[in-house]
Amino acid sequence: MVSHGHVEELSRLLPQLAEHSARHIAVVAVTLNRPEPALRAFVSARSWPFEIRVEENERPLGFGENNNRAFLACETTAFCVINPDIQLLTDPLPALLDVLARGRRAGCAYPPQQTSGGRAQDSQRTLPTPVRVLLRGLLPMLRRPAGDDAVDWVNGAFMLFDSKAFAAIGGFDPRYFMYGEDVDICLRLQLAGYGLVRGGSAVVHDAHRASHARFRHLIWHLRSLLLLWTSGPYREYKALRRGQRA
């Protein structure tokens, strides 16, 4: 997990992982994208049922690059990317690990996401074409989860990867600093023959959609969309989908 001043969120999530999921976790890798003495103090102030490795970047890195670096030390069969603002109600990992173990070429398992009020989040989505992105921005009621038979990608808030699949496609594309890296990796996984499979109990994610409120995030979002729409994986995936529907 990557922190950008998320000491409050991680002070809630880490104990939840310890309470619900400790038996399924070997190492929790926390990357500090900026100095956070308070978070270091919180981690060192108590004992944990799993190893916590805290690394601090000399300069801020993008979401994908940070997670790729964390994966370099991964020695387990599964690699979990999780946002600091996720909250656990129960343990989603057993069912997700079972999905990876039993699924035919399952590359990424993910849980349903809901708000703290219990409303389903649109964490699984269809391909973000320019028209769909425009309509979602103008008509917020369109922000609802895609049906299981129409999922092209899932958001990066909680993704449990098969480690071999993650390595086989080279992990995240570091050209995406923030936004779009989750779309790209989902498309490349499927192009390589791996599947996206939902399972497990719901996790809480109150998405703030910073790109709608902060100019810098909006610029990052637009740059990522342009990179995505001009990329080879995007074009190949669109062609694949057209062929499947023909």
C-alpha atoms as a PDB file:
ATOM      1  CA  MET A   1       0.000   0.000   0.000  1.00  0.00           C
ATOM      2  CA  VAL A   2       1.144   3.532  -0.777  1.00  0.00           C
ATOM      3  CA  SER A   3       0.684   6.446   1.621  1.00  0.00           C
ATOM      4  CA  HIS A   4       0.542  10.102   0.678  1.00  0.00           C
ATOM      5  CA  GLY A   5      -0.093  11.402   4.180  1.00  0.00           C
ATOM      6  CA  HIS A   6      -2.623   8.656   4.955  1.00  0.00           C
ATOM      7  CA  VAL A   7      -1.628   8.097   8.576  1.00  0.00           C
ATOM      8  CA  GLU A   8      -5.248   8.369   9.734  1.00  0.00           C
ATOM      9  CA  GLU A   9      -6.509   5.850   7.195  1.00  0.00           C
ATOM     10  CA  LEU A  10      -3.655   3.381   7.773  1.00  0.00           C
ATOM     11  CA  SER A  11      -4.039   3.699  11.530  1.00  0.00           C
ATOM     12  CA  ARG A  12      -7.491   2.235  10.924  1.00  0.00           C
ATOM     13  CA  LEU A  13      -6.710  -0.262   8.144  1.00  0.00           C
ATOM     14  CA  LEU A  14      -3.605  -1.940   9.595  1.00  0.00           C
ATOM     15  CA  PRO A  15      -5.395  -3.007  12.813  1.00  0.00           C
ATOM     16  CA  GLN A  16      -8.291  -4.283  10.690  1.00  0.00           C
ATOM     17  CA  LEU A  17      -5.875  -6.399   8.649  1.00  0.00           C
ATOM     18  CA  ALA A  18      -4.375  -7.701  11.894  1.00  0.00           C
ATOM     19  CA  GLU A  19      -7.819  -8.527  13.286  1.00  0.00           C
ATOM     20  CA  HIS A  20      -9.413 -10.110  10.228  1.00  0.00           C
ATOM     21  CA  SER A  21      -6.719 -11.281   7.823  1.00  0.00           C
ATOM     22  CA  ALA A  22      -3.469 -11.936   9.702  1.00  0.00           C
ATOM     23  CA  ARG A  23      -3.400 -15.690   8.991  1.00  0.00           C
ATOM     24  CA  HIS A  24      -3.363 -15.012   5.259  1.00  0.00           C
ATOM     25  CA  ILE A  25      -0.706 -12.279   5.241  1.00  0.00           C
ATOM     26  CA  ALA A  26       3.055 -12.745   5.257  1.00  0.00           C
ATOM     27  CA  VAL A  27       4.250  -9.174   4.678  1.00  0.00           C
ATOM     28  CA  VAL A  28       2.574  -5.778   4.512  1.00  0.00           C
ATOM     29  CA  ALA A  29       4.646  -3.364   2.436  1.00  0.00           C
ATOM     30  CA  VAL A  30       3.954   0.298   3.168  1.00  0.00           C
ATOM     31  CA  THR A  31       5.558   2.859   0.867  1.00  0.00           C
ATOM     32  CA  LEU A  32       5.738   6.449   2.069  1.00  0.00           C
ATOM     33  CA  ASN A  33       5.613   8.783  -0.904  1.00  0.00           C
ATOM     34  CA  ARG A  34       6.573  11.600   1.431  1.00  0.00           C
ATOM     35  CA  PRO A  35       8.003  11.653   4.988  1.00  0.00           C
ATOM     36  CA  GLU A  36       5.489  10.542   7.610  1.00  0.00           C
ATOM     37  CA  PRO A  37       7.046  10.318  11.096  1.00  0.00           C
ATOM     38  CA  ALA A  38       3.611   9.827  12.661  1.00  0.00           C
ATOM     39  CA  LEU A  39       2.948   6.717  10.590  1.00  0.00           C
ATOM     40  CA  ARG A  40       6.378   5.274  11.343  1.00  0.00           C
ATOM     41  CA  ALA A  41       5.715   5.889  15.049  1.00  0.00           C
ATOM     42  CA  PHE A  42       2.321   4.187  14.840  1.00  0.00           C
ATOM     43  CA  VAL A  43       3.771   1.083  13.183  1.00  0.00           C
ATOM     44  CA  SER A  44       6.679   0.769  15.619  1.00  0.00           C
ATOM     45  CA  ALA A  45       4.573   1.418  18.722  1.00  0.00           C
ATOM     46  CA  ARG A  46       2.877  -1.989  18.691  1.00  0.00           C
ATOM     47  CA  SER A  47       3.506  -5.588  17.706  1.00  0.00           C
ATOM     48  CA  TRP A  48       1.889  -7.010  14.604  1.00  0.00           C
ATOM     49  CA  PRO A  49       0.950 -10.569  13.610  1.00  0.00           C
ATOM     50  CA  PHE A  50       2.697 -10.053  10.266  1.00  0.00           C
ATOM     51  CA  GLU A  51       5.836  -8.304   9.100  1.00  0.00           C
ATOM     52  CA  ILE A  52       5.424  -4.651   8.126  1.00  0.00           C
ATOM     53  CA  ARG A  53       8.077  -3.195   5.850  1.00  0.00           C
ATOM     54  CA  VAL A  54       8.073   0.588   5.653  1.00  0.00           C
ATOM     55  CA  GLU A  55       9.978   2.177   2.769  1.00  0.00           C
ATOM     56  CA  GLU A  56      10.317   5.919   2.122  1.00  0.00           C
ATOM     57  CA  ASN A  57      10.837   7.330  -1.362  1.00  0.00           C
ATOM     58  CA  GLU A  58      13.446   9.969  -2.007  1.00  0.00           C
ATOM     59  CA  ARG A  59      10.926  11.555  -4.373  1.00  0.00           C
ATOM     60  CA  PRO A  60       7.246  10.846  -5.025  1.00  0.00           C
ATOM     61  CA  LEU A  61       6.630   8.017  -7.458  1.00  0.00           C
ATOM     62  CA  GLY A  62       3.474   7.000  -9.283  1.00  0.00           C
ATOM     63  CA  PHE A  63       0.996   4.408  -8.060  1.00  0.00           C
ATOM     64  CA  GLY A  64       2.113   1.733 -10.499  1.00  0.00           C
ATOM     65  CA  GLU A  65       5.833   2.209  -9.986  1.00  0.00           C
ATOM     66  CA  ASN A  66       5.444   2.092  -6.217  1.00  0.00           C
ATOM     67  CA  ASN A  67       3.566  -1.184  -6.379  1.00  0.00           C
ATOM     68  CA  ASN A  68       6.001  -2.657  -8.900  1.00  0.00           C
ATOM     69  CA  ARG A  69       8.845  -1.923  -6.484  1.00  0.00           C
ATOM     70  CA  ALA A  70       6.943  -3.574  -3.635  1.00  0.00           C
ATOM     71  CA  PHE A  71       6.375  -6.652  -5.803  1.00  0.00           C
ATOM     72  CA  LEU A  72      10.125  -7.117  -6.289  1.00  0.00           C
ATOM     73  CA  ALA A  73      10.277  -8.413  -2.704  1.00  0.00           C
ATOM     74  CA  CYS A  74       7.145 -10.570  -3.017  1.00  0.00           C
ATOM     75  CA  GLU A  75       7.776 -14.256  -2.257  1.00  0.00           C
ATOM     76  CA  THR A  76       4.155 -15.396  -2.007  1.00  0.00           C
ATOM     77  CA  THR A  77       1.797 -16.825  -4.631  1.00  0.00           C
ATOM     78  CA  ALA A  78      -0.484 -13.775  -4.419  1.00  0.00           C
ATOM     79  CA  PHE A  79       0.227 -10.055  -4.370  1.00  0.00           C
ATOM     80  CA  CYS A  80      -2.383  -7.644  -3.032  1.00  0.00           C
ATOM     81  CA  VAL A  81      -2.661  -3.991  -3.998  1.00  0.00           C
ATOM     82  CA  ILE A  82      -4.813  -2.159  -1.471  1.00  0.00           C
ATOM     83  CA  ASN A  83      -5.591   1.517  -0.915  1.00  0.00           C
ATOM     84  CA  PRO A  84      -5.102   3.042   2.545  1.00  0.00           C
ATOM     85  CA  ASP A  85      -8.739   4.195   2.591  1.00  0.00           C
ATOM     86  CA  ILE A  86     -10.147   0.668   2.321  1.00  0.00           C
ATOM     87  CA  GLN A  87     -11.974  -0.599   5.413  1.00  0.00           C
ATOM     88  CA  LEU A  88     -12.556  -4.262   6.234  1.00  0.00           C
ATOM     89  CA  LEU A  89     -15.810  -5.548   7.710  1.00  0.00           C
ATOM     90  CA  THR A  90     -14.709  -9.204   7.610  1.00  0.00           C
ATOM     91  CA  ASP A  91     -11.852 -11.103   5.964  1.00  0.00           C
ATOM     92  CA  PRO A  92     -12.184 -11.045   2.143  1.00  0.00           C
ATOM     93  CA  LEU A  93      -8.915 -12.898   1.505  1.00  0.00           C
ATOM     94  CA  PRO A  94      -9.872 -16.600   1.896  1.00  0.00           C
ATOM     95  CA  ALA A  95     -12.515 -16.447  -0.834  1.00  0.00           C
ATOM     96  CA  LEU A  96     -10.277 -14.346  -3.098  1.00  0.00           C
ATOM     97  CA  LEU A  97      -7.338 -16.706  -2.659  1.00  0.00           C
ATOM     98  CA  ASP A  98      -9.663 -19.600  -3.448  1.00  0.00           C
ATOM     99  CA  VAL A  99     -10.736 -17.800  -6.630  1.00  0.00           C
ATOM    100  CA  LEU A 100      -7.110 -17.544  -7.738  1.00  0.00           C
ATOM    101  CA  ALA A 101      -6.389 -21.162  -6.816  1.00  0.00           C
ATOM    102  CA  ARG A 102      -9.457 -22.627  -8.522  1.00  0.00           C
ATOM    103  CA  GLY A 103     -10.053 -20.200 -11.362  1.00  0.00           C
ATOM    104  CA  ARG A 104      -8.968 -21.076 -14.837  1.00  0.00           C
ATOM    105  CA  ARG A 105      -6.164 -18.639 -15.560  1.00  0.00           C
ATOM    106  CA  ALA A 106      -7.531 -16.176 -13.006  1.00  0.00           C
ATOM    107  CA  GLY A 107      -5.072 -13.293 -12.940  1.00  0.00           C
ATOM    108  CA  CYS A 108      -6.797 -10.907 -10.575  1.00  0.00           C
ATOM    109  CA  ALA A 109      -9.464 -11.464  -7.922  1.00  0.00           C
ATOM    110  CA  TYR A 110     -11.328  -8.564  -6.386  1.00  0.00           C
ATOM    111  CA  PRO A 111     -14.061  -8.070  -3.768  1.00  0.00           C
ATOM    112  CA  PRO A 112     -17.255  -6.040  -4.154  1.00  0.00           C
ATOM    113  CA  GLN A 113     -16.895  -2.508  -2.822  1.00  0.00           C
ATOM    114  CA  GLN A 114     -19.485  -0.467  -0.989  1.00  0.00           C
ATOM    115  CA  THR A 115     -19.702   2.890   0.724  1.00  0.00           C
ATOM    116  CA  SER A 116     -19.802   3.131   4.518  1.00  0.00           C
ATOM    117  CA  GLY A 117     -23.546   3.589   4.066  1.00  0.00           C
ATOM    118  CA  GLY A 118     -23.857   0.226   2.306  1.00  0.00           C
ATOM    119  CA  ARG A 119     -24.345   1.494  -1.257  1.00  0.00           C
ATOM    120  CA  ALA A 120     -22.581  -0.501  -3.982  1.00  0.00           C
ATOM    121  CA  GLN A 121     -19.575   1.257  -5.501  1.00  0.00           C
ATOM    122  CA  ASP A 122     -18.893   1.245  -9.242  1.00  0.00           C
ATOM    123  CA  SER A 123     -15.610  -0.604  -8.758  1.00  0.00           C
ATOM    124  CA  GLN A 124     -16.092  -2.897 -11.766  1.00  0.00           C
ATOM    125  CA  ARG A 125     -16.569  -1.077 -15.042  1.00  0.00           C
ATOM    126  CA  THR A 126     -16.818  -1.238 -18.792  1.00  0.00           C
ATOM    127  CA  LEU A 127     -14.097   0.024 -21.122  1.00  0.00           C
ATOM    128  CA  PRO A 128     -13.648   3.806 -20.644  1.00  0.00           C
ATOM    129  CA  THR A 129     -14.235   5.116 -24.143  1.00  0.00           C
ATOM    130  CA  PRO A 130     -14.227   8.915 -24.648  1.00  0.00           C
ATOM    131  CA  VAL A 131     -18.030   8.918 -24.959  1.00  0.00           C
ATOM    132  CA  ARG A 132     -18.519   6.893 -21.773  1.00  0.00           C
ATOM    133  CA  VAL A 133     -16.110   9.092 -19.796  1.00  0.00           C
ATOM    134  CA  LEU A 134     -17.941  12.213 -20.959  1.00  0.00           C
ATOM    135  CA  LEU A 135     -21.339  10.771 -20.105  1.00  0.00           C
ATOM    136  CA  ARG A 136     -20.177   9.619 -16.655  1.00  0.00           C
ATOM    137  CA  GLY A 137     -18.932  13.133 -15.947  1.00  0.00           C
ATOM    138  CA  LEU A 138     -22.174  14.763 -17.077  1.00  0.00           C
ATOM    139  CA  LEU A 139     -24.567  12.130 -15.705  1.00  0.00           C
ATOM    140  CA  PRO A 140     -23.442  10.861 -12.262  1.00  0.00           C
ATOM    141  CA  MET A 141     -26.298   8.344 -12.212  1.00  0.00           C
ATOM    142  CA  LEU A 142     -24.312   6.317 -14.753  1.00  0.00           C
ATOM    143  CA  ARG A 143     -21.699   5.540 -12.093  1.00  0.00           C
ATOM    144  CA  ARG A 144     -22.945   2.092 -11.223  1.00  0.00           C
ATOM    145  CA  PRO A 145     -21.118  -1.247 -11.325  1.00  0.00           C
ATOM    146  CA  ALA A 146     -20.979  -3.081 -14.627  1.00  0.00           C
ATOM    147  CA  GLY A 147     -22.661  -6.471 -14.740  1.00  0.00           C
ATOM    148  CA  ASP A 148     -20.370  -9.446 -14.203  1.00  0.00           C
ATOM    149  CA  ASP A 149     -20.572 -10.329 -17.899  1.00  0.00           C
ATOM    150  CA  ALA A 150     -19.511  -6.825 -18.973  1.00  0.00           C
ATOM    151  CA  VAL A 151     -16.529  -6.130 -16.706  1.00  0.00           C
ATOM    152  CA  ASP A 152     -13.536  -4.823 -18.634  1.00  0.00           C
ATOM    153  CA  TRP A 153     -11.585  -3.495 -15.651  1.00  0.00           C
ATOM    154  CA  VAL A 154     -11.751  -3.005 -11.889  1.00  0.00           C
ATOM    155  CA  ASN A 155     -10.435  -0.097  -9.870  1.00  0.00           C
ATOM    156  CA  GLY A 156      -7.097  -0.337  -8.110  1.00  0.00           C
ATOM    157  CA  ALA A 157      -8.415   0.113  -4.582  1.00  0.00           C
ATOM    158  CA  PHE A 158      -8.287  -3.641  -3.896  1.00  0.00           C
ATOM    159  CA  MET A 159      -6.749  -6.077  -6.379  1.00  0.00           C
ATOM    160  CA  LEU A 160      -5.404  -9.506  -5.476  1.00  0.00           C
ATOM    161  CA  PHE A 161      -3.081 -10.688  -8.239  1.00  0.00           C
ATOM    162  CA  ASP A 162      -1.753 -14.113  -8.975  1.00  0.00           C
ATOM    163  CA  SER A 163       1.958 -13.393  -8.598  1.00  0.00           C
ATOM    164  CA  LYS A 164       2.933 -15.363 -11.684  1.00  0.00           C
ATOM    165  CA  ALA A 165       0.363 -13.497 -13.776  1.00  0.00           C
ATOM    166  CA  PHE A 166       1.521 -10.141 -12.431  1.00  0.00           C
ATOM    167  CA  ALA A 167       5.129 -10.982 -13.265  1.00  0.00           C
ATOM    168  CA  ALA A 168       4.250 -12.404 -16.678  1.00  0.00           C
ATOM    169  CA  ILE A 169       2.791  -9.102 -17.908  1.00  0.00           C
ATOM    170  CA  GLY A 170       5.462  -6.948 -16.230  1.00  0.00           C
ATOM    171  CA  GLY A 171       3.235  -5.475 -13.533  1.00  0.00           C
ATOM    172  CA  PHE A 172       1.839  -1.971 -13.818  1.00  0.00           C
ATOM    173  CA  ASP A 173       2.887   0.350 -16.626  1.00  0.00           C
ATOM    174  CA  PRO A 174       4.901   3.068 -14.775  1.00  0.00           C
ATOM    175  CA  ARG A 175       4.066   5.650 -17.444  1.00  0.00           C
ATOM    176  CA  TYR A 176       0.743   6.101 -15.661  1.00  0.00           C
ATOM    177  CA  PHE A 177       1.619   8.302 -12.691  1.00  0.00           C
ATOM    178  CA  MET A 178      -1.857   8.229 -11.217  1.00  0.00           C
ATOM    179  CA  TYR A 179      -5.151   7.094 -12.770  1.00  0.00           C
ATOM    180  CA  GLY A 180      -5.443   4.695 -15.682  1.00  0.00           C
ATOM    181  CA  GLU A 181      -2.889   2.172 -14.441  1.00  0.00           C
ATOM    182  CA  ASP A 182      -5.665  -0.087 -13.154  1.00  0.00           C
ATOM    183  CA  VAL A 183      -7.474   0.021 -16.509  1.00  0.00           C
ATOM    184  CA  ASP A 184      -4.269  -0.730 -18.409  1.00  0.00           C
ATOM    185  CA  ILE A 185      -3.210  -3.677 -16.259  1.00  0.00           C
ATOM    186  CA  CYS A 186      -6.682  -5.224 -16.445  1.00  0.00           C
ATOM    187  CA  LEU A 187      -6.657  -4.980 -20.232  1.00  0.00           C
ATOM    188  CA  ARG A 188      -3.150  -6.454 -20.500  1.00  0.00           C
ATOM    189  CA  LEU A 189      -4.043  -9.309 -18.149  1.00  0.00           C
ATOM    190  CA  GLN A 190      -7.001 -10.256 -20.329  1.00  0.00           C
ATOM    191  CA  LEU A 191      -5.014  -9.901 -23.539  1.00  0.00           C
ATOM    192  CA  ALA A 192      -2.526 -12.363 -22.026  1.00  0.00           C
ATOM    193  CA  GLY A 193      -5.326 -14.853 -21.371  1.00  0.00           C
ATOM    194  CA  TYR A 194      -5.941 -14.148 -17.685  1.00  0.00           C
ATOM    195  CA  GLY A 195      -9.307 -13.380 -16.127  1.00  0.00           C
ATOM    196  CA  LEU A 196     -10.736 -10.849 -13.668  1.00  0.00           C
ATOM    197  CA  VAL A 197     -12.889 -12.629 -11.105  1.00  0.00           C
ATOM    198  CA  ARG A 198     -15.029 -11.183  -8.338  1.00  0.00           C
ATOM    199  CA  GLY A 199     -15.323 -12.974  -5.010  1.00  0.00           C
ATOM    200  CA  GLY A 200     -15.326 -12.642  -1.266  1.00  0.00           C
ATOM    201  CA  SER A 201     -17.166 -10.343   1.064  1.00  0.00           C
ATOM    202  CA  ALA A 202     -17.555  -6.627   0.413  1.00  0.00           C
ATOM    203  CA  VAL A 203     -15.007  -4.072   1.570  1.00  0.00           C
ATOM    204  CA  VAL A 204     -15.775  -0.438   2.331  1.00  0.00           C
ATOM    205  CA  HIS A 205     -14.344   2.222   0.056  1.00  0.00           C
ATOM    206  CA  ASP A 206     -15.624   5.767   0.269  1.00  0.00           C
ATOM    207  CA  ALA A 207     -14.021   6.985  -2.955  1.00  0.00           C
ATOM    208  CA  HIS A 208     -13.311  10.730  -2.898  1.00  0.00           C
ATOM    209  CA  ARG A 209     -12.698  11.132  -6.671  1.00  0.00           C
ATOM    210  CA  ALA A 210      -9.975  13.732  -6.153  1.00  0.00           C
ATOM    211  CA  SER A 211      -9.733  14.327  -9.903  1.00  0.00           C
ATOM    212  CA  HIS A 212     -13.144  15.985  -9.725  1.00  0.00           C
ATOM    213  CA  ALA A 213     -12.019  18.491  -7.091  1.00  0.00           C
ATOM    214  CA  ARG A 214      -8.267  19.130  -7.487  1.00  0.00           C
ATOM    215  CA  PHE A 215      -6.777  20.654 -10.611  1.00  0.00           C
ATOM    216  CA  ARG A 216      -3.504  18.709 -10.382  1.00  0.00           C
ATOM    217  CA  HIS A 217      -5.382  15.423 -10.116  1.00  0.00           C
ATOM    218  CA  LEU A 218      -7.593  16.422 -13.023  1.00  0.00           C
ATOM    219  CA  ILE A 219      -4.488  16.996 -15.180  1.00  0.00           C
ATOM    220  CA  TRP A 220      -3.085  13.598 -14.160  1.00  0.00           C
ATOM    221  CA  HIS A 221      -6.411  11.999 -15.010  1.00  0.00           C
ATOM    222  CA  LEU A 222      -6.605  13.619 -18.453  1.00  0.00           C
ATOM    223  CA  ARG A 223      -2.984  12.705 -19.258  1.00  0.00           C
ATOM    224  CA  SER A 224      -3.642   9.105 -18.265  1.00  0.00           C
ATOM    225  CA  LEU A 225      -6.760   8.922 -20.404  1.00  0.00           C
ATOM    226  CA  LEU A 226      -4.857  10.255 -23.410  1.00  0.00           C
ATOM    227  CA  LEU A 227      -2.077   7.726 -22.821  1.00  0.00           C
ATOM    228  CA  LEU A 228      -4.623   4.933 -22.457  1.00  0.00           C
ATOM    229  CA  TRP A 229      -6.634   5.808 -25.565  1.00  0.00           C
ATOM    230  CA  THR A 230      -3.495   5.942 -27.730  1.00  0.00           C
ATOM    231  CA  SER A 231      -1.952   2.753 -26.314  1.00  0.00           C
ATOM    232  CA  GLY A 232      -1.526  -0.571 -28.020  1.00  0.00           C
ATOM    233  CA  PRO A 233      -3.286  -2.598 -25.280  1.00  0.00           C
ATOM    234  CA  TYR A 234      -6.357  -0.358 -25.519  1.00  0.00           C
ATOM    235  CA  ARG A 235      -6.619  -0.765 -29.290  1.00  0.00           C
ATOM    236  CA  GLU A 236      -5.993  -4.513 -29.097  1.00  0.00           C
ATOM    237  CA  TYR A 237      -8.559  -4.979 -26.350  1.00  0.00           C
ATOM    238  CA  LYS A 238     -11.219  -3.017 -28.254  1.00  0.00           C
ATOM    239  CA  ALA A 239     -10.587  -5.224 -31.277  1.00  0.00           C
ATOM    240  CA  LEU A 240     -10.800  -8.342 -29.103  1.00  0.00           C
ATOM    241  CA  ARG A 241     -14.125  -7.226 -27.637  1.00  0.00           C
ATOM    242  CA  ARG A 242     -15.530  -6.445 -31.072  1.00  0.00           C
ATOM    243  CA  GLY A 243     -14.534  -9.910 -32.249  1.00  0.00           C
ATOM    244  CA  GLN A 244     -16.190 -11.573 -29.239  1.00  0.00           C
ATOM    245  CA  ARG A 245     -19.443  -9.716 -29.829  1.00  0.00           C
ATOM    246  CA  ALA A 246     -19.520 -10.294 -33.595  1.00  0.00           C
END
